[in-house]
Amino acid sequence: MEKKTLIFEFQLKCYPVSFIQKSELEKGDKIILPPSILEHLSALDVDWPLMFELKSKFSGRITHCGVMEFIADEGCAYIPYWMMQNLAICEGEKINFRYKHLEKGTFVKIQPQTYDFLDISNTKAVLEAKLRNFTCLTKSDTIAIEYNDMIYWLNVIEVKPGNAISIVETDVNVDFIAPNNNEKSEKKQIHKENNQDGDSSV
């Protein structure tokens, strides 16, 4: 119980992982923190793998993440750019970090932003494989999945239990809901216009 109520907070300036040639971290939710954070954590009774809550004081948005390494410059954190977009923060903006104990997840509901993702063969297997790069999921987040040189944006509609879950070494039930109807209508309209253009050129 003590681990769940343990409070360890700090603030750091955030920059994209590409700033330190770690663009491969865009495929998941792990971040780079400075060595001093590890020194503080070593004196605390924390759970591993580590998970943190990230919060922007300006936008009020919250997300959660894991940690890859402790090699960042002091005072700085390097995080995936998609995570910066979720938090609505700019390069060099200071945000709050808080150690979190997250319960193992049992359920997640995902909404792809486009129908293209649902066209992938064995969509569920692809998603489960890609989620192995993630430590946790947060309700209302939008995560980026790379597959066959394409980036797919997925909305996290719901997670159980709570509003954020650990997905490390646990079986999570995944449910999909269709993208917004507007996107489908726009896609059909574009397809129709393309066909009309093709007809007129013949």
Protein backbone atom coordinates (compact mmCIF):
# COMPACT_ATOMS: atom_id res chain seq x y z
CA MET A 1 0.00 0.00 0.00
CA GLU A 2 2.88 2.35 0.74
CA LYS A 3 4.12 2.14 -2.85
CA LYS A 4 0.75 3.29 -4.14
CA THR A 5 0.76 6.38 -1.91
CA LEU A 6 4.44 7.20 -2.33
CA ILE A 7 4.87 10.79 -3.54
CA PHE A 8 7.88 11.65 -5.66
CA GLU A 9 7.49 14.69 -7.90
CA PHE A 10 9.77 16.89 -9.96
CA GLN A 11 9.72 19.28 -12.91
CA LEU A 12 11.79 19.10 -16.08
CA LYS A 13 11.97 20.84 -19.43
CA CYS A 14 10.76 18.56 -22.23
CA TYR A 15 12.27 18.01 -25.65
CA PRO A 16 11.54 15.46 -28.42
CA VAL A 17 13.57 12.23 -28.35
CA SER A 18 14.84 13.13 -31.84
CA PHE A 19 17.00 15.80 -30.18
CA ILE A 20 19.30 13.04 -28.89
CA GLN A 21 19.00 10.69 -31.89
CA LYS A 22 16.52 8.38 -30.14
CA SER A 23 13.74 8.54 -32.72
CA GLU A 24 13.04 4.81 -32.28
CA LEU A 25 11.35 5.75 -28.98
CA GLU A 26 8.54 7.32 -31.01
CA LYS A 27 7.25 3.74 -31.40
CA GLY A 28 6.35 3.53 -27.70
CA ASP A 29 5.84 5.52 -24.50
CA LYS A 30 9.26 5.37 -22.87
CA ILE A 31 11.18 8.53 -22.02
CA ILE A 32 14.73 9.58 -21.12
CA LEU A 33 15.34 11.15 -17.70
CA PRO A 34 18.48 12.63 -16.07
CA PRO A 35 20.76 10.50 -13.80
CA SER A 36 19.82 12.48 -10.69
CA ILE A 37 16.27 11.09 -10.87
CA LEU A 38 17.62 7.55 -10.70
CA GLU A 39 19.71 8.52 -7.67
CA HIS A 40 16.59 9.75 -5.85
CA LEU A 41 14.59 6.67 -6.87
CA SER A 42 17.26 4.28 -5.59
CA ALA A 43 16.52 5.49 -2.06
CA LEU A 44 12.77 4.87 -2.43
CA ASP A 45 10.66 1.73 -2.38
CA VAL A 46 9.29 1.96 -5.92
CA ASP A 47 7.86 -0.58 -8.34
CA TRP A 48 9.73 -1.56 -11.48
CA PRO A 49 9.29 -1.01 -14.35
CA LEU A 50 8.91 2.65 -13.45
CA MET A 51 5.85 4.62 -14.50
CA PHE A 52 5.24 8.33 -14.26
CA GLU A 53 2.32 10.70 -14.61
CA LEU A 54 3.14 13.70 -16.80
CA LYS A 55 1.07 16.86 -16.44
CA SER A 56 1.17 20.20 -18.20
CA LYS A 57 0.24 23.04 -15.87
CA PHE A 58 -0.83 25.19 -18.82
CA SER A 59 -3.07 22.78 -20.76
CA GLY A 60 -3.99 20.69 -17.71
CA ARG A 61 -3.55 17.54 -19.80
CA ILE A 62 -2.24 14.34 -18.23
CA THR A 63 -0.59 11.23 -19.66
CA HIS A 64 1.54 8.35 -18.33
CA CYS A 65 4.77 6.78 -19.49
CA GLY A 66 7.61 4.38 -18.78
CA VAL A 67 11.36 5.07 -18.68
CA MET A 68 14.01 3.79 -21.08
CA GLU A 69 17.21 5.34 -19.69
CA PHE A 70 18.62 7.93 -17.30
CA ILE A 71 21.05 9.71 -19.62
CA ALA A 72 19.33 13.05 -20.20
CA ASP A 73 20.98 16.38 -19.44
CA GLU A 74 20.16 17.54 -15.93
CA GLY A 75 16.97 19.57 -15.88
CA CYS A 76 15.74 17.98 -19.11
CA ALA A 77 13.59 15.08 -20.22
CA TYR A 78 13.33 13.65 -23.74
CA ILE A 79 9.91 12.27 -24.65
CA PRO A 80 8.19 11.03 -27.83
CA TYR A 81 6.84 13.88 -29.95
CA TRP A 82 3.36 12.31 -30.07
CA MET A 83 3.34 12.52 -26.27
CA MET A 84 4.20 16.22 -26.44
CA GLN A 85 1.24 16.66 -28.79
CA ASN A 86 -1.06 14.88 -26.32
CA LEU A 87 0.08 17.24 -23.58
CA ALA A 88 -0.14 20.26 -25.91
CA ILE A 89 3.35 21.40 -24.91
CA CYS A 90 6.18 23.07 -26.83
CA GLU A 91 9.88 22.23 -26.96
CA GLY A 92 11.59 23.34 -23.76
CA GLU A 93 8.35 23.66 -21.79
CA LYS A 94 8.58 22.61 -18.16
CA ILE A 95 6.05 20.02 -16.96
CA ASN A 96 5.38 18.08 -13.78
CA PHE A 97 6.45 14.45 -13.35
CA ARG A 98 5.03 12.23 -10.62
CA TYR A 99 5.87 8.63 -9.82
CA LYS A 100 2.77 6.43 -10.21
CA HIS A 101 1.85 2.89 -9.29
CA LEU A 102 -0.62 1.78 -11.98
CA GLU A 103 -2.83 -1.28 -11.72
CA LYS A 104 -2.43 -3.97 -14.38
CA GLY A 105 -4.96 -3.36 -17.12
CA THR A 106 -7.76 -5.75 -18.01
CA PHE A 107 -9.48 -3.84 -20.83
CA VAL A 108 -8.87 -1.11 -23.40
CA LYS A 109 -11.18 0.35 -26.03
CA ILE A 110 -9.41 1.76 -29.09
CA GLN A 111 -10.75 4.00 -31.86
CA PRO A 112 -8.57 4.35 -34.97
CA GLN A 113 -8.75 7.85 -36.41
CA THR A 114 -9.01 6.46 -39.96
CA TYR A 115 -10.49 3.34 -41.51
CA ASP A 116 -7.09 2.46 -43.04
CA PHE A 117 -6.01 0.85 -39.78
CA LEU A 118 -8.98 -1.50 -39.80
CA ASP A 119 -8.00 -2.57 -43.33
CA ILE A 120 -4.81 -4.15 -41.97
CA SER A 121 -4.88 -7.94 -42.03
CA ASN A 122 -5.30 -9.30 -38.48
CA THR A 123 -5.61 -5.85 -36.94
CA LYS A 124 -5.81 -7.11 -33.37
CA ALA A 125 -2.58 -9.11 -33.62
CA VAL A 126 -0.76 -6.12 -35.13
CA LEU A 127 -1.97 -3.84 -32.34
CA GLU A 128 -1.02 -6.32 -29.61
CA ALA A 129 2.48 -6.61 -31.09
CA LYS A 130 2.91 -2.83 -31.29
CA LEU A 131 1.63 -2.31 -27.74
CA ARG A 132 4.62 -4.30 -26.46
CA ASN A 133 6.55 -1.04 -26.93
CA PHE A 134 4.24 0.64 -24.43
CA THR A 135 4.30 0.54 -20.64
CA CYS A 136 0.90 2.04 -19.93
CA LEU A 137 -2.21 3.49 -21.53
CA THR A 138 -4.19 6.55 -20.47
CA LYS A 139 -7.85 7.27 -21.20
CA SER A 140 -8.32 10.10 -23.74
CA ASP A 141 -4.76 9.78 -25.07
CA THR A 142 -4.00 9.44 -28.78
CA ILE A 143 -1.12 7.06 -29.47
CA ALA A 144 0.89 6.57 -32.66
CA ILE A 145 1.41 3.10 -34.15
CA GLU A 146 3.87 2.50 -37.00
CA TYR A 147 3.16 -0.38 -39.38
CA ASN A 148 4.47 -0.99 -42.91
CA ASP A 149 6.00 2.51 -43.07
CA MET A 150 2.66 4.10 -42.15
CA ILE A 151 1.74 5.99 -38.97
CA TYR A 152 -1.69 5.26 -37.56
CA TRP A 153 -3.26 7.42 -34.85
CA LEU A 154 -5.41 5.60 -32.31
CA ASN A 155 -7.66 7.19 -29.68
CA VAL A 156 -7.72 5.49 -26.29
CA ILE A 157 -11.44 5.71 -25.49
CA GLU A 158 -11.56 3.65 -22.31
CA VAL A 159 -9.30 1.63 -20.02
CA LYS A 160 -10.04 -0.58 -17.01
CA PRO A 161 -9.50 -0.32 -14.14
CA GLY A 162 -9.42 3.45 -13.62
CA ASN A 163 -8.24 6.06 -16.12
CA ALA A 164 -4.69 4.72 -16.62
CA ILE A 165 -3.34 1.18 -16.66
CA SER A 166 -0.10 -0.77 -16.80
CA ILE A 167 0.08 -3.13 -19.80
CA VAL A 168 3.39 -4.76 -18.86
CA GLU A 169 3.23 -8.57 -18.68
CA THR A 170 -0.55 -8.69 -18.57
CA ASP A 171 -3.34 -9.89 -20.84
CA VAL A 172 -5.51 -6.95 -21.83
CA ASN A 173 -8.83 -7.37 -23.61
CA VAL A 174 -8.82 -5.07 -26.66
CA ASP A 175 -12.04 -3.75 -28.17
CA PHE A 176 -12.30 -1.59 -31.30
CA ILE A 177 -14.87 1.00 -32.24
CA ALA A 178 -15.13 2.50 -35.71
CA PRO A 179 -13.62 5.89 -36.60
CA ASN A 180 -15.92 8.90 -36.67
CA ASN A 181 -18.49 8.75 -39.44
CA ASN A 182 -17.26 12.11 -40.71
CA GLU A 183 -13.93 10.56 -41.70
CA LYS A 184 -15.69 7.79 -43.63
CA SER A 185 -17.92 10.29 -45.40
CA GLU A 186 -14.96 12.48 -46.30
CA LYS A 187 -13.08 9.45 -47.62
CA LYS A 188 -16.05 8.42 -49.76
CA GLN A 189 -16.40 11.97 -51.08
CA ILE A 190 -12.71 12.12 -52.01
CA HIS A 191 -13.00 8.73 -53.72
CA LYS A 192 -16.07 9.94 -55.61
CA GLU A 193 -14.35 13.15 -56.72
CA ASN A 194 -11.30 11.21 -57.87
CA ASN A 195 -13.49 8.92 -59.94
CA GLN A 196 -15.26 11.91 -61.47
CA ASP A 197 -11.91 13.48 -62.32
CA GLY A 198 -10.85 10.25 -63.91
CA ASP A 199 -14.04 10.05 -65.95
CA SER A 200 -13.73 13.60 -67.20
CA SER A 201 -10.19 13.06 -68.43
CA VAL A 202 -11.08 10.13 -70.64
